[in-house]
Amino acid sequence: MLWRYNPNTKIELQRKYPVTPSDFPLSDIVKAILTSEKIAVFGDYDVDGIASSLILKNALDVLGIRNEIFLPERKEGYGIKPEHVWQIKEEGFKTIITVDNGITAVDAAKAAKELSVKLIITDHHEPQYPLPDAYRIFNPKLYKDKYQDYAGAGVAYLLARELLRQKNLSVTPAMIQLAGLATVADVVPLDGNNWYIARKGLELMR
């Protein structure tokens, strides 16, 4: 309703933002995921974290990789912690992928290493150094020459797209809708690549 009747809609649709290349070095992460038998997706309890989890789950389902989403309770606080790693390992998972969290999870990464769990961190929050000693980390803010301001779901979308590309498959409309929704809800800058994701997501929602 707001999209259709907002008097600024036509103006907004005519706005032009340069979309920058979003090719990140993801081959090692993609290989690790494609060779995993069972993956735990660890997200967050807000819109961005839930959307990110569903985007990655959607991609893993399409690829036929067994997976399960784990979301912390709000009372547990934000981000993956050692106790989460222990619980997930007890449930038979040897690979964990975080979405929308993990870039400061030093203790969780240490626990994962001790338990021989492959921890792959994907996040969009500001990195702090030293970085967690995880198996692999993907955060656009680590690449100063590329667009950096994605929401967590935007990061998950980039990873899902690359995973599916390796099998000559395409992202689903649901993935784009979720990325667009989270991009708006997480109040990241609506410029460049985020503008494209939000616009395409909203168009598909209509």
N, C-alpha and C. Protein backbone atom coordinates (compact mmCIF):
# COMPACT_ATOMS: atom_id res chain seq x y z
N MET A 1 0.83 -1.20 0.00
CA MET A 1 0.00 0.00 0.00
C MET A 1 0.87 1.26 0.00
N LEU A 2 1.83 1.32 0.94
CA LEU A 2 2.70 2.49 1.02
C LEU A 2 3.55 2.60 -0.23
N TRP A 3 4.02 1.46 -0.71
CA TRP A 3 4.86 1.46 -1.92
C TRP A 3 4.09 2.01 -3.11
N ARG A 4 2.81 1.64 -3.23
CA ARG A 4 2.02 2.01 -4.39
C ARG A 4 1.58 3.47 -4.35
N TYR A 5 1.19 3.97 -3.16
CA TYR A 5 0.57 5.27 -3.08
C TYR A 5 1.47 6.39 -2.55
N ASN A 6 2.64 6.04 -2.08
CA ASN A 6 3.57 7.08 -1.65
C ASN A 6 3.90 7.98 -2.84
N PRO A 7 3.68 9.31 -2.73
CA PRO A 7 3.93 10.19 -3.87
C PRO A 7 5.39 10.23 -4.31
N ASN A 8 6.30 9.75 -3.46
CA ASN A 8 7.72 9.75 -3.82
C ASN A 8 8.15 8.49 -4.54
N THR A 9 7.24 7.52 -4.68
CA THR A 9 7.61 6.23 -5.26
C THR A 9 8.24 6.38 -6.65
N LYS A 10 7.60 7.16 -7.51
CA LYS A 10 8.11 7.31 -8.88
C LYS A 10 9.50 7.92 -8.87
N ILE A 11 9.68 8.92 -8.00
CA ILE A 11 11.00 9.56 -7.89
C ILE A 11 12.04 8.55 -7.41
N GLU A 12 11.67 7.77 -6.40
CA GLU A 12 12.61 6.80 -5.85
C GLU A 12 13.01 5.76 -6.90
N LEU A 13 12.05 5.32 -7.69
CA LEU A 13 12.35 4.30 -8.70
C LEU A 13 13.28 4.83 -9.78
N GLN A 14 13.32 6.15 -9.94
CA GLN A 14 14.17 6.73 -10.97
C GLN A 14 15.57 7.05 -10.46
N ARG A 15 15.76 6.90 -9.14
CA ARG A 15 17.08 7.19 -8.59
C ARG A 15 18.10 6.18 -9.11
N LYS A 16 19.27 6.64 -9.40
CA LYS A 16 20.33 5.78 -9.91
C LYS A 16 21.48 5.71 -8.92
N TYR A 17 21.82 4.50 -8.54
CA TYR A 17 22.99 4.29 -7.70
C TYR A 17 23.91 3.31 -8.41
N PRO A 18 25.19 3.59 -8.43
CA PRO A 18 26.10 2.63 -9.08
C PRO A 18 26.18 1.33 -8.28
N VAL A 19 25.98 0.21 -8.93
CA VAL A 19 26.13 -1.09 -8.29
C VAL A 19 27.57 -1.54 -8.51
N THR A 20 28.28 -1.79 -7.42
CA THR A 20 29.69 -2.15 -7.52
C THR A 20 29.85 -3.67 -7.57
N PRO A 21 30.91 -4.16 -8.18
CA PRO A 21 31.12 -5.61 -8.26
C PRO A 21 31.10 -6.24 -6.87
N SER A 22 30.43 -7.38 -6.76
CA SER A 22 30.32 -8.05 -5.46
C SER A 22 30.96 -9.43 -5.51
N ASP A 23 32.07 -9.51 -6.23
CA ASP A 23 32.79 -10.78 -6.32
C ASP A 23 33.83 -10.83 -5.21
N PHE A 24 33.55 -11.65 -4.22
CA PHE A 24 34.46 -11.81 -3.09
C PHE A 24 35.16 -13.17 -3.20
N PRO A 25 36.33 -13.30 -2.58
CA PRO A 25 37.04 -14.59 -2.60
C PRO A 25 36.35 -15.60 -1.69
N LEU A 26 35.38 -16.31 -2.23
CA LEU A 26 34.57 -17.23 -1.44
C LEU A 26 34.80 -18.70 -1.78
N SER A 27 35.77 -18.98 -2.62
CA SER A 27 35.94 -20.36 -3.10
C SER A 27 36.22 -21.34 -1.97
N ASP A 28 37.04 -20.95 -0.98
CA ASP A 28 37.36 -21.85 0.13
C ASP A 28 36.13 -22.13 1.00
N ILE A 29 35.33 -21.08 1.25
CA ILE A 29 34.12 -21.26 2.04
C ILE A 29 33.12 -22.12 1.29
N VAL A 30 32.95 -21.86 0.01
CA VAL A 30 32.01 -22.64 -0.81
C VAL A 30 32.41 -24.11 -0.82
N LYS A 31 33.71 -24.38 -0.99
CA LYS A 31 34.19 -25.76 -1.01
C LYS A 31 33.91 -26.44 0.32
N ALA A 32 34.16 -25.74 1.42
CA ALA A 32 33.93 -26.32 2.75
C ALA A 32 32.46 -26.64 2.95
N ILE A 33 31.58 -25.78 2.46
CA ILE A 33 30.15 -26.01 2.61
C ILE A 33 29.67 -27.17 1.74
N LEU A 34 30.11 -27.18 0.50
CA LEU A 34 29.65 -28.21 -0.43
C LEU A 34 30.14 -29.61 -0.06
N THR A 35 31.20 -29.69 0.74
CA THR A 35 31.71 -31.00 1.15
C THR A 35 31.25 -31.39 2.55
N SER A 36 30.36 -30.59 3.13
CA SER A 36 29.83 -30.90 4.46
C SER A 36 28.55 -31.72 4.34
N GLU A 37 28.41 -32.69 5.22
CA GLU A 37 27.23 -33.55 5.19
C GLU A 37 26.06 -32.95 5.96
N LYS A 38 26.36 -32.16 6.97
CA LYS A 38 25.33 -31.64 7.86
C LYS A 38 25.82 -30.31 8.43
N ILE A 39 25.00 -29.27 8.30
CA ILE A 39 25.44 -27.93 8.67
C ILE A 39 24.46 -27.29 9.65
N ALA A 40 25.00 -26.69 10.70
CA ALA A 40 24.21 -25.89 11.63
C ALA A 40 24.34 -24.43 11.23
N VAL A 41 23.22 -23.77 10.99
CA VAL A 41 23.20 -22.34 10.67
C VAL A 41 22.85 -21.59 11.95
N PHE A 42 23.78 -20.79 12.44
CA PHE A 42 23.56 -20.08 13.69
C PHE A 42 23.30 -18.61 13.40
N GLY A 43 22.05 -18.16 13.69
CA GLY A 43 21.66 -16.81 13.36
C GLY A 43 21.46 -15.93 14.57
N ASP A 44 20.52 -15.01 14.45
CA ASP A 44 20.22 -14.08 15.52
C ASP A 44 18.71 -13.93 15.61
N TYR A 45 18.22 -13.32 16.70
CA TYR A 45 16.78 -13.28 16.94
C TYR A 45 16.09 -12.06 16.34
N ASP A 46 16.80 -11.17 15.65
CA ASP A 46 16.13 -10.02 15.04
C ASP A 46 15.79 -10.33 13.58
N VAL A 47 15.17 -9.36 12.91
CA VAL A 47 14.73 -9.57 11.52
C VAL A 47 15.90 -9.96 10.64
N ASP A 48 17.00 -9.24 10.76
CA ASP A 48 18.16 -9.51 9.91
C ASP A 48 18.71 -10.91 10.16
N GLY A 49 18.81 -11.29 11.43
CA GLY A 49 19.35 -12.61 11.76
C GLY A 49 18.46 -13.74 11.29
N ILE A 50 17.15 -13.58 11.43
CA ILE A 50 16.22 -14.62 10.98
C ILE A 50 16.20 -14.71 9.46
N ALA A 51 16.17 -13.55 8.79
CA ALA A 51 16.19 -13.55 7.32
C ALA A 51 17.48 -14.16 6.79
N SER A 52 18.60 -13.82 7.41
CA SER A 52 19.90 -14.37 7.00
C SER A 52 19.90 -15.89 7.10
N SER A 53 19.37 -16.39 8.23
CA SER A 53 19.32 -17.84 8.45
C SER A 53 18.48 -18.53 7.38
N LEU A 54 17.34 -17.93 7.05
CA LEU A 54 16.44 -18.53 6.06
C LEU A 54 17.03 -18.50 4.65
N ILE A 55 17.76 -17.43 4.33
CA ILE A 55 18.41 -17.36 3.01
C ILE A 55 19.39 -18.51 2.85
N LEU A 56 20.25 -18.70 3.85
CA LEU A 56 21.25 -19.75 3.75
C LEU A 56 20.60 -21.12 3.78
N LYS A 57 19.58 -21.30 4.62
CA LYS A 57 18.87 -22.57 4.66
C LYS A 57 18.24 -22.89 3.31
N ASN A 58 17.64 -21.89 2.70
CA ASN A 58 17.03 -22.06 1.39
C ASN A 58 18.05 -22.59 0.38
N ALA A 59 19.24 -21.98 0.39
CA ALA A 59 20.30 -22.40 -0.54
C ALA A 59 20.75 -23.84 -0.25
N LEU A 60 20.95 -24.15 1.03
CA LEU A 60 21.40 -25.50 1.39
C LEU A 60 20.33 -26.54 1.05
N ASP A 61 19.06 -26.17 1.23
CA ASP A 61 17.98 -27.09 0.85
C ASP A 61 18.00 -27.38 -0.65
N VAL A 62 18.18 -26.33 -1.44
CA VAL A 62 18.24 -26.50 -2.90
C VAL A 62 19.40 -27.41 -3.29
N LEU A 63 20.51 -27.30 -2.57
CA LEU A 63 21.70 -28.10 -2.85
C LEU A 63 21.63 -29.50 -2.26
N GLY A 64 20.59 -29.76 -1.47
CA GLY A 64 20.43 -31.09 -0.87
C GLY A 64 21.35 -31.35 0.30
N ILE A 65 21.82 -30.29 0.96
CA ILE A 65 22.69 -30.44 2.12
C ILE A 65 21.85 -30.36 3.40
N ARG A 66 21.95 -31.37 4.24
CA ARG A 66 21.20 -31.39 5.50
C ARG A 66 21.61 -30.20 6.35
N ASN A 67 20.63 -29.54 6.95
CA ASN A 67 20.94 -28.36 7.74
C ASN A 67 19.84 -28.09 8.76
N GLU A 68 20.20 -27.32 9.76
CA GLU A 68 19.23 -26.92 10.78
C GLU A 68 19.60 -25.54 11.28
N ILE A 69 18.59 -24.71 11.53
CA ILE A 69 18.82 -23.36 12.04
C ILE A 69 18.81 -23.37 13.56
N PHE A 70 19.76 -22.68 14.16
CA PHE A 70 19.81 -22.46 15.60
C PHE A 70 19.74 -20.96 15.86
N LEU A 71 18.76 -20.53 16.67
CA LEU A 71 18.64 -19.13 17.03
C LEU A 71 18.71 -19.00 18.55
N PRO A 72 19.52 -18.08 19.05
CA PRO A 72 19.59 -17.91 20.52
C PRO A 72 18.33 -17.23 21.04
N GLU A 73 18.02 -17.47 22.28
CA GLU A 73 16.96 -16.72 22.94
C GLU A 73 17.48 -15.31 23.24
N ARG A 74 16.57 -14.34 23.24
CA ARG A 74 16.98 -12.96 23.50
C ARG A 74 17.69 -12.82 24.85
N LYS A 75 17.25 -13.62 25.83
CA LYS A 75 17.85 -13.54 27.17
C LYS A 75 19.30 -14.03 27.17
N GLU A 76 19.67 -14.83 26.15
CA GLU A 76 21.05 -15.33 26.05
C GLU A 76 21.99 -14.25 25.55
N GLY A 77 21.43 -13.21 24.94
CA GLY A 77 22.27 -12.17 24.38
C GLY A 77 22.65 -12.46 22.95
N TYR A 78 23.32 -11.50 22.35
CA TYR A 78 23.67 -11.56 20.93
C TYR A 78 24.91 -12.42 20.67
N GLY A 79 24.86 -13.17 19.58
CA GLY A 79 26.05 -13.83 19.08
C GLY A 79 26.28 -15.25 19.57
N ILE A 80 27.08 -15.98 18.82
CA ILE A 80 27.41 -17.36 19.17
C ILE A 80 28.41 -17.38 20.32
N LYS A 81 28.20 -18.31 21.24
CA LYS A 81 29.03 -18.43 22.44
C LYS A 81 29.52 -19.88 22.57
N PRO A 82 30.53 -20.12 23.41
CA PRO A 82 31.05 -21.48 23.56
C PRO A 82 29.97 -22.51 23.88
N GLU A 83 29.01 -22.14 24.74
CA GLU A 83 27.96 -23.10 25.09
C GLU A 83 27.10 -23.49 23.89
N HIS A 84 26.95 -22.56 22.94
CA HIS A 84 26.21 -22.90 21.73
C HIS A 84 26.99 -23.91 20.90
N VAL A 85 28.29 -23.70 20.82
CA VAL A 85 29.15 -24.63 20.07
C VAL A 85 29.08 -26.03 20.69
N TRP A 86 29.13 -26.10 22.01
CA TRP A 86 29.06 -27.40 22.69
C TRP A 86 27.73 -28.09 22.39
N GLN A 87 26.64 -27.33 22.50
CA GLN A 87 25.32 -27.90 22.25
C GLN A 87 25.18 -28.42 20.82
N ILE A 88 25.65 -27.63 19.87
CA ILE A 88 25.53 -28.01 18.47
C ILE A 88 26.39 -29.24 18.16
N LYS A 89 27.58 -29.30 18.77
CA LYS A 89 28.44 -30.47 18.59
C LYS A 89 27.75 -31.72 19.15
N GLU A 90 27.11 -31.60 20.31
CA GLU A 90 26.41 -32.73 20.92
C GLU A 90 25.27 -33.24 20.05
N GLU A 91 24.72 -32.35 19.23
CA GLU A 91 23.63 -32.74 18.35
C GLU A 91 24.12 -33.30 17.03
N GLY A 92 25.42 -33.50 16.92
CA GLY A 92 25.97 -34.22 15.76
C GLY A 92 26.44 -33.38 14.60
N PHE A 93 26.61 -32.09 14.81
CA PHE A 93 27.07 -31.21 13.73
C PHE A 93 28.58 -30.98 13.84
N LYS A 94 29.25 -31.06 12.70
CA LYS A 94 30.68 -30.81 12.65
C LYS A 94 31.01 -29.51 11.93
N THR A 95 29.99 -28.87 11.35
CA THR A 95 30.18 -27.59 10.66
C THR A 95 29.11 -26.61 11.14
N ILE A 96 29.55 -25.42 11.53
CA ILE A 96 28.64 -24.34 11.92
C ILE A 96 28.92 -23.13 11.04
N ILE A 97 27.87 -22.54 10.52
CA ILE A 97 28.00 -21.28 9.78
C ILE A 97 27.20 -20.22 10.52
N THR A 98 27.86 -19.16 10.94
CA THR A 98 27.12 -18.06 11.56
C THR A 98 26.64 -17.10 10.48
N VAL A 99 25.49 -16.49 10.73
CA VAL A 99 24.99 -15.42 9.86
C VAL A 99 24.58 -14.25 10.75
N ASP A 100 24.96 -13.06 10.34
CA ASP A 100 24.64 -11.83 11.09
C ASP A 100 25.27 -11.81 12.48
N ASN A 101 26.29 -12.58 12.71
CA ASN A 101 27.00 -12.55 13.99
C ASN A 101 28.29 -13.35 13.87
N GLY A 102 29.16 -13.19 14.85
CA GLY A 102 30.35 -14.04 14.92
C GLY A 102 31.67 -13.32 14.75
N ILE A 103 31.65 -12.09 14.22
CA ILE A 103 32.92 -11.45 13.90
C ILE A 103 33.73 -11.11 15.15
N THR A 104 33.09 -11.11 16.33
CA THR A 104 33.82 -10.88 17.58
C THR A 104 33.80 -12.10 18.50
N ALA A 105 33.39 -13.25 17.96
CA ALA A 105 33.20 -14.46 18.77
C ALA A 105 34.52 -15.22 18.97
N VAL A 106 35.45 -14.59 19.65
CA VAL A 106 36.77 -15.19 19.87
C VAL A 106 36.65 -16.47 20.71
N ASP A 107 35.87 -16.42 21.78
CA ASP A 107 35.74 -17.58 22.67
C ASP A 107 35.03 -18.75 21.98
N ALA A 108 34.01 -18.45 21.19
CA ALA A 108 33.29 -19.50 20.47
C ALA A 108 34.21 -20.17 19.44
N ALA A 109 35.04 -19.37 18.77
CA ALA A 109 35.97 -19.93 17.79
C ALA A 109 36.99 -20.84 18.46
N LYS A 110 37.43 -20.43 19.65
CA LYS A 110 38.38 -21.26 20.40
C LYS A 110 37.73 -22.58 20.79
N ALA A 111 36.47 -22.54 21.25
CA ALA A 111 35.76 -23.76 21.61
C ALA A 111 35.57 -24.66 20.40
N ALA A 112 35.25 -24.07 19.28
CA ALA A 112 35.06 -24.86 18.06
C ALA A 112 36.34 -25.59 17.67
N LYS A 113 37.45 -24.91 17.80
CA LYS A 113 38.73 -25.53 17.45
C LYS A 113 39.04 -26.69 18.39
N GLU A 114 38.77 -26.50 19.67
CA GLU A 114 39.02 -27.56 20.66
C GLU A 114 38.14 -28.78 20.42
N LEU A 115 36.94 -28.54 19.87
CA LEU A 115 35.99 -29.63 19.63
C LEU A 115 36.06 -30.17 18.20
N SER A 116 37.02 -29.67 17.43
CA SER A 116 37.17 -30.07 16.02
C SER A 116 35.90 -29.79 15.21
N VAL A 117 35.28 -28.66 15.51
CA VAL A 117 34.12 -28.20 14.77
C VAL A 117 34.58 -27.13 13.78
N LYS A 118 34.14 -27.24 12.55
CA LYS A 118 34.50 -26.27 11.52
C LYS A 118 33.57 -25.07 11.65
N LEU A 119 34.09 -23.95 12.13
CA LEU A 119 33.30 -22.75 12.32
C LEU A 119 33.57 -21.76 11.19
N ILE A 120 32.52 -21.47 10.42
CA ILE A 120 32.60 -20.49 9.33
C ILE A 120 31.77 -19.28 9.75
N ILE A 121 32.41 -18.14 9.82
CA ILE A 121 31.74 -16.92 10.27
C ILE A 121 31.37 -16.04 9.08
N THR A 122 30.09 -15.67 8.98
CA THR A 122 29.67 -14.66 8.01
C THR A 122 28.95 -13.57 8.80
N ASP A 123 29.36 -12.34 8.61
CA ASP A 123 28.84 -11.26 9.43
C ASP A 123 29.00 -9.94 8.68
N HIS A 124 28.34 -8.91 9.17
CA HIS A 124 28.45 -7.57 8.56
C HIS A 124 28.82 -6.51 9.59
N HIS A 125 28.95 -6.91 10.84
CA HIS A 125 29.29 -5.94 11.88
C HIS A 125 30.77 -5.57 11.81
N GLU A 126 31.11 -4.51 12.52
CA GLU A 126 32.48 -3.99 12.46
C GLU A 126 33.46 -4.99 13.07
N PRO A 127 34.50 -5.37 12.33
CA PRO A 127 35.49 -6.31 12.87
C PRO A 127 36.29 -5.68 14.00
N GLN A 128 36.68 -6.52 14.95
CA GLN A 128 37.62 -6.12 16.00
C GLN A 128 38.81 -7.06 15.94
N TYR A 129 39.96 -6.55 16.26
CA TYR A 129 41.18 -7.35 16.12
C TYR A 129 41.76 -7.67 17.49
N PRO A 130 42.31 -8.89 17.66
CA PRO A 130 42.43 -9.91 16.63
C PRO A 130 41.09 -10.56 16.28
N LEU A 131 40.98 -11.03 15.04
CA LEU A 131 39.77 -11.71 14.61
C LEU A 131 39.67 -13.09 15.26
N PRO A 132 38.47 -13.63 15.35
CA PRO A 132 38.33 -15.01 15.88
C PRO A 132 39.12 -15.99 15.02
N ASP A 133 39.68 -17.00 15.65
CA ASP A 133 40.46 -18.02 14.94
C ASP A 133 39.51 -19.08 14.40
N ALA A 134 38.66 -18.65 13.47
CA ALA A 134 37.67 -19.54 12.87
C ALA A 134 38.25 -20.22 11.63
N TYR A 135 37.54 -21.23 11.13
CA TYR A 135 38.00 -21.92 9.93
C TYR A 135 38.05 -20.95 8.75
N ARG A 136 36.99 -20.18 8.55
CA ARG A 136 36.95 -19.15 7.53
C ARG A 136 36.06 -18.01 8.01
N ILE A 137 36.33 -16.80 7.53
CA ILE A 137 35.53 -15.63 7.87
C ILE A 137 35.18 -14.88 6.59
N PHE A 138 33.91 -14.51 6.47
CA PHE A 138 33.49 -13.65 5.37
C PHE A 138 32.73 -12.45 5.93
N ASN A 139 33.34 -11.29 5.81
CA ASN A 139 32.72 -10.04 6.21
C ASN A 139 33.17 -8.98 5.19
N PRO A 140 32.24 -8.38 4.45
CA PRO A 140 32.63 -7.38 3.44
C PRO A 140 33.48 -6.24 4.00
N LYS A 141 33.37 -5.96 5.29
CA LYS A 141 34.14 -4.88 5.88
C LYS A 141 35.63 -5.20 5.96
N LEU A 142 35.99 -6.43 5.65
CA LEU A 142 37.40 -6.80 5.60
C LEU A 142 38.01 -6.52 4.23
N TYR A 143 37.17 -6.07 3.28
CA TYR A 143 37.63 -5.82 1.92
C TYR A 143 37.39 -4.35 1.60
N LYS A 144 38.41 -3.54 1.79
CA LYS A 144 38.26 -2.09 1.70
C LYS A 144 38.01 -1.61 0.27
N ASP A 145 38.27 -2.45 -0.72
CA ASP A 145 38.10 -2.02 -2.11
C ASP A 145 36.73 -2.40 -2.67
N LYS A 146 35.84 -2.92 -1.81
CA LYS A 146 34.53 -3.36 -2.28
C LYS A 146 33.42 -2.73 -1.45
N TYR A 147 32.19 -2.84 -1.93
CA TYR A 147 31.05 -2.32 -1.18
C TYR A 147 30.95 -3.07 0.14
N GLN A 148 30.78 -2.34 1.24
CA GLN A 148 30.90 -2.94 2.57
C GLN A 148 29.64 -2.90 3.43
N ASP A 149 28.65 -2.12 3.04
CA ASP A 149 27.57 -1.78 3.98
C ASP A 149 26.36 -2.69 3.96
N TYR A 150 26.54 -3.94 3.57
CA TYR A 150 25.42 -4.89 3.53
C TYR A 150 24.86 -5.16 4.93
N ALA A 151 23.57 -5.52 4.97
CA ALA A 151 23.01 -6.12 6.17
C ALA A 151 23.53 -7.56 6.26
N GLY A 152 23.28 -8.21 7.39
CA GLY A 152 23.69 -9.61 7.50
C GLY A 152 23.05 -10.47 6.43
N ALA A 153 21.79 -10.16 6.09
CA ALA A 153 21.08 -10.93 5.05
C ALA A 153 21.68 -10.66 3.68
N GLY A 154 22.23 -9.46 3.47
CA GLY A 154 22.92 -9.19 2.22
C GLY A 154 24.16 -10.05 2.08
N VAL A 155 24.88 -10.22 3.19
CA VAL A 155 26.06 -11.09 3.20
C VAL A 155 25.66 -12.55 2.95
N ALA A 156 24.59 -12.99 3.62
CA ALA A 156 24.10 -14.35 3.41
C ALA A 156 23.65 -14.56 1.97
N TYR A 157 23.05 -13.53 1.39
CA TYR A 157 22.61 -13.59 -0.01
C TYR A 157 23.80 -13.77 -0.95
N LEU A 158 24.87 -13.01 -0.71
CA LEU A 158 26.07 -13.14 -1.55
C LEU A 158 26.65 -14.55 -1.47
N LEU A 159 26.68 -15.12 -0.26
CA LEU A 159 27.20 -16.47 -0.09
C LEU A 159 26.28 -17.49 -0.76
N ALA A 160 24.97 -17.35 -0.57
CA ALA A 160 24.02 -18.27 -1.18
C ALA A 160 24.12 -18.22 -2.70
N ARG A 161 24.26 -17.03 -3.24
CA ARG A 161 24.38 -16.88 -4.70
C ARG A 161 25.61 -17.60 -5.23
N GLU A 162 26.73 -17.45 -4.51
CA GLU A 162 27.96 -18.11 -4.96
C GLU A 162 27.86 -19.62 -4.83
N LEU A 163 27.23 -20.10 -3.77
CA LEU A 163 27.03 -21.55 -3.60
C LEU A 163 26.23 -22.12 -4.77
N LEU A 164 25.16 -21.45 -5.12
CA LEU A 164 24.29 -21.94 -6.19
C LEU A 164 24.95 -21.82 -7.55
N ARG A 165 25.74 -20.78 -7.74
CA ARG A 165 26.47 -20.61 -9.00
C ARG A 165 27.36 -21.81 -9.30
N GLN A 166 27.98 -22.36 -8.25
CA GLN A 166 28.88 -23.48 -8.43
C GLN A 166 28.17 -24.71 -9.01
N LYS A 167 26.86 -24.76 -8.85
CA LYS A 167 26.06 -25.87 -9.38
C LYS A 167 25.17 -25.41 -10.53
N ASN A 168 25.52 -24.26 -11.12
CA ASN A 168 24.76 -23.68 -12.23
C ASN A 168 23.29 -23.46 -11.88
N LEU A 169 23.06 -23.02 -10.64
CA LEU A 169 21.72 -22.73 -10.17
C LEU A 169 21.61 -21.24 -9.84
N SER A 170 20.40 -20.75 -9.72
CA SER A 170 20.17 -19.34 -9.44
C SER A 170 19.49 -19.15 -8.09
N VAL A 171 19.64 -17.97 -7.52
CA VAL A 171 18.95 -17.66 -6.28
C VAL A 171 17.44 -17.67 -6.52
N THR A 172 16.69 -17.95 -5.49
CA THR A 172 15.23 -17.99 -5.59
C THR A 172 14.64 -16.62 -5.26
N PRO A 173 13.43 -16.33 -5.73
CA PRO A 173 12.78 -15.06 -5.37
C PRO A 173 12.69 -14.87 -3.86
N ALA A 174 12.47 -15.96 -3.12
CA ALA A 174 12.37 -15.85 -1.67
C ALA A 174 13.65 -15.30 -1.06
N MET A 175 14.79 -15.70 -1.57
CA MET A 175 16.07 -15.21 -1.04
C MET A 175 16.19 -13.70 -1.25
N ILE A 176 15.78 -13.22 -2.42
CA ILE A 176 15.87 -11.79 -2.71
C ILE A 176 14.89 -11.01 -1.85
N GLN A 177 13.69 -11.54 -1.66
CA GLN A 177 12.71 -10.87 -0.80
C GLN A 177 13.23 -10.76 0.63
N LEU A 178 13.78 -11.84 1.15
CA LEU A 178 14.31 -11.83 2.52
C LEU A 178 15.47 -10.85 2.66
N ALA A 179 16.35 -10.82 1.66
CA ALA A 179 17.49 -9.89 1.70
C ALA A 179 16.99 -8.45 1.65
N GLY A 180 15.98 -8.19 0.82
CA GLY A 180 15.42 -6.85 0.73
C GLY A 180 14.75 -6.42 2.01
N LEU A 181 13.97 -7.31 2.60
CA LEU A 181 13.29 -7.02 3.86
C LEU A 181 14.29 -6.68 4.96
N ALA A 182 15.32 -7.50 5.10
CA ALA A 182 16.31 -7.29 6.17
C ALA A 182 17.15 -6.05 5.91
N THR A 183 17.42 -5.74 4.66
CA THR A 183 18.19 -4.54 4.33
C THR A 183 17.46 -3.30 4.80
N VAL A 184 16.13 -3.28 4.64
CA VAL A 184 15.32 -2.15 5.12
C VAL A 184 15.22 -2.19 6.65
N ALA A 185 14.91 -3.35 7.21
CA ALA A 185 14.68 -3.47 8.64
C ALA A 185 15.92 -3.18 9.47
N ASP A 186 17.09 -3.50 8.94
CA ASP A 186 18.32 -3.31 9.72
C ASP A 186 18.89 -1.90 9.57
N VAL A 187 18.21 -1.06 8.81
CA VAL A 187 18.55 0.36 8.66
C VAL A 187 20.00 0.56 8.21
N VAL A 188 20.43 -0.24 7.24
CA VAL A 188 21.74 0.00 6.64
C VAL A 188 21.57 1.03 5.53
N PRO A 189 22.64 1.66 5.06
CA PRO A 189 22.50 2.70 4.04
C PRO A 189 21.82 2.17 2.77
N LEU A 190 20.80 2.89 2.31
CA LEU A 190 20.11 2.47 1.07
C LEU A 190 20.77 3.15 -0.12
N ASP A 191 21.97 2.70 -0.41
CA ASP A 191 22.69 3.21 -1.58
C ASP A 191 23.35 2.04 -2.28
N GLY A 192 23.89 2.29 -3.44
CA GLY A 192 24.66 1.26 -4.15
C GLY A 192 24.00 -0.09 -4.19
N ASN A 193 24.72 -1.09 -3.75
CA ASN A 193 24.23 -2.47 -3.81
C ASN A 193 23.04 -2.71 -2.90
N ASN A 194 22.97 -2.01 -1.77
CA ASN A 194 21.82 -2.16 -0.89
C ASN A 194 20.54 -1.63 -1.55
N TRP A 195 20.67 -0.55 -2.29
CA TRP A 195 19.52 -0.02 -3.02
C TRP A 195 18.98 -1.07 -3.99
N TYR A 196 19.89 -1.72 -4.69
CA TYR A 196 19.47 -2.76 -5.64
C TYR A 196 18.76 -3.90 -4.91
N ILE A 197 19.34 -4.39 -3.81
CA ILE A 197 18.75 -5.51 -3.07
C ILE A 197 17.37 -5.13 -2.52
N ALA A 198 17.26 -3.94 -1.92
CA ALA A 198 15.99 -3.51 -1.34
C ALA A 198 14.93 -3.34 -2.42
N ARG A 199 15.32 -2.71 -3.52
CA ARG A 199 14.35 -2.47 -4.60
C ARG A 199 13.85 -3.77 -5.21
N LYS A 200 14.79 -4.67 -5.52
CA LYS A 200 14.37 -5.96 -6.11
C LYS A 200 13.51 -6.75 -5.13
N GLY A 201 13.88 -6.73 -3.85
CA GLY A 201 13.10 -7.46 -2.86
C GLY A 201 11.68 -6.94 -2.75
N LEU A 202 11.54 -5.60 -2.70
CA LEU A 202 10.21 -4.99 -2.58
C LEU A 202 9.38 -5.23 -3.84
N GLU A 203 10.02 -5.18 -5.00
CA GLU A 203 9.30 -5.44 -6.24
C GLU A 203 8.73 -6.85 -6.25
N LEU A 204 9.53 -7.82 -5.81
CA LEU A 204 9.07 -9.21 -5.79
C LEU A 204 7.98 -9.41 -4.74
N MET A 205 8.05 -8.68 -3.63
CA MET A 205 7.01 -8.80 -2.60
C MET A 205 5.65 -8.35 -3.12
N ARG A 206 5.62 -7.41 -4.05
CA ARG A 206 4.36 -6.90 -4.56
C ARG A 206 3.55 -7.99 -5.24
